[in-house]
Amino acid sequence: MAMSAQDLEGLLRDAFADADIKIDDLAGDGDHYRAVIRSDTFVGKSRVAQHQMVYAALKGRMGGELHALALETGPKSA
């Protein structure tokens, strides 16, 4: 079962309300996405910590409904 781009964006918006979010479906299959997330929540956090925050926001769907997610994260000012 694949995840829609809208569902993915919804989960991310719930976790990062201030974020600028762009989702690209890389393969057209609802299973491989790229997400660009710019949020002030990421200020002062390492790239690893930022990605951990995103995975936590996905509530266990990574590896199940969502097979692959390329992430680009950072503060809005970056």
Protein backbone atom coordinates (compact mmCIF):
# COMPACT_ATOMS: atom_id res chain seq x y z
CA MET A 1 0.00 0.00 0.00
CA ALA A 2 1.52 3.30 -1.15
CA MET A 3 1.26 6.71 0.45
CA SER A 4 -0.02 9.71 -1.47
CA ALA A 5 2.00 12.91 -1.66
CA GLN A 6 -0.89 14.65 0.11
CA ASP A 7 -0.78 12.16 3.00
CA LEU A 8 2.98 12.56 3.28
CA GLU A 9 2.71 16.34 3.26
CA GLY A 10 -0.07 16.20 5.85
CA LEU A 11 2.07 14.20 8.28
CA LEU A 12 4.95 16.62 7.80
CA ARG A 13 2.71 19.70 8.24
CA ASP A 14 1.33 18.23 11.47
CA ALA A 15 4.89 18.00 12.84
CA PHE A 16 6.35 21.14 11.27
CA ALA A 17 3.51 23.67 11.15
CA ASP A 18 5.78 26.58 10.15
CA ALA A 19 7.54 24.67 7.39
CA ASP A 20 7.91 25.33 3.71
CA ILE A 21 7.44 21.83 2.26
CA LYS A 22 7.89 20.59 -1.29
CA ILE A 23 7.15 16.96 -2.17
CA ASP A 24 8.21 15.31 -5.45
CA ASP A 25 7.04 11.82 -6.47
CA LEU A 26 10.29 10.52 -7.96
CA ALA A 27 8.98 7.38 -9.64
CA GLY A 28 5.28 8.14 -10.09
CA ASP A 29 4.43 5.12 -7.94
CA GLY A 30 3.53 6.78 -4.62
CA ASP A 31 6.43 4.92 -3.04
CA HIS A 32 9.54 7.01 -3.79
CA TYR A 33 9.53 10.67 -2.80
CA ARG A 34 11.84 13.59 -2.28
CA ALA A 35 10.86 16.06 0.44
CA VAL A 36 12.38 19.50 0.88
CA ILE A 37 11.49 20.78 4.33
CA ARG A 38 12.53 24.21 5.59
CA SER A 39 11.49 24.83 9.18
CA ASP A 40 12.72 26.99 12.02
CA THR A 41 12.31 23.87 14.17
CA PHE A 42 15.59 22.70 12.62
CA VAL A 43 17.64 25.69 13.84
CA GLY A 44 20.69 24.46 15.75
CA LYS A 45 20.03 20.79 14.94
CA SER A 46 22.45 18.57 13.04
CA ARG A 47 21.37 17.11 9.70
CA VAL A 48 21.06 13.71 11.39
CA ALA A 49 18.84 15.15 14.12
CA GLN A 50 16.70 16.92 11.51
CA HIS A 51 16.18 13.66 9.60
CA GLN A 52 15.37 11.81 12.82
CA MET A 53 12.68 14.43 13.50
CA VAL A 54 11.20 13.84 10.04
CA TYR A 55 11.20 10.05 10.49
CA ALA A 56 9.48 10.48 13.87
CA ALA A 57 6.83 12.63 12.17
CA LEU A 58 6.12 9.77 9.75
CA LYS A 59 4.96 7.64 12.70
CA GLY A 60 6.43 4.33 11.59
CA ARG A 61 5.30 4.53 7.96
CA MET A 62 8.86 4.62 6.61
CA GLY A 63 9.70 1.19 5.20
CA GLY A 64 6.03 0.24 5.04
CA GLU A 65 3.65 2.56 3.21
CA LEU A 66 6.62 4.69 2.24
CA HIS A 67 9.54 2.83 0.72
CA ALA A 68 12.02 5.59 -0.08
CA LEU A 69 12.31 9.21 0.96
CA ALA A 70 15.13 11.51 -0.11
CA LEU A 71 15.33 14.36 2.40
CA GLU A 72 16.61 17.88 2.16
CA THR A 73 16.08 19.65 5.45
CA GLY A 74 17.18 22.86 7.09
CA PRO A 75 16.11 26.09 8.72
CA LYS A 76 13.98 28.50 6.69
CA SER A 77 16.84 30.98 6.60
CA ALA A 78 19.22 28.47 4.98
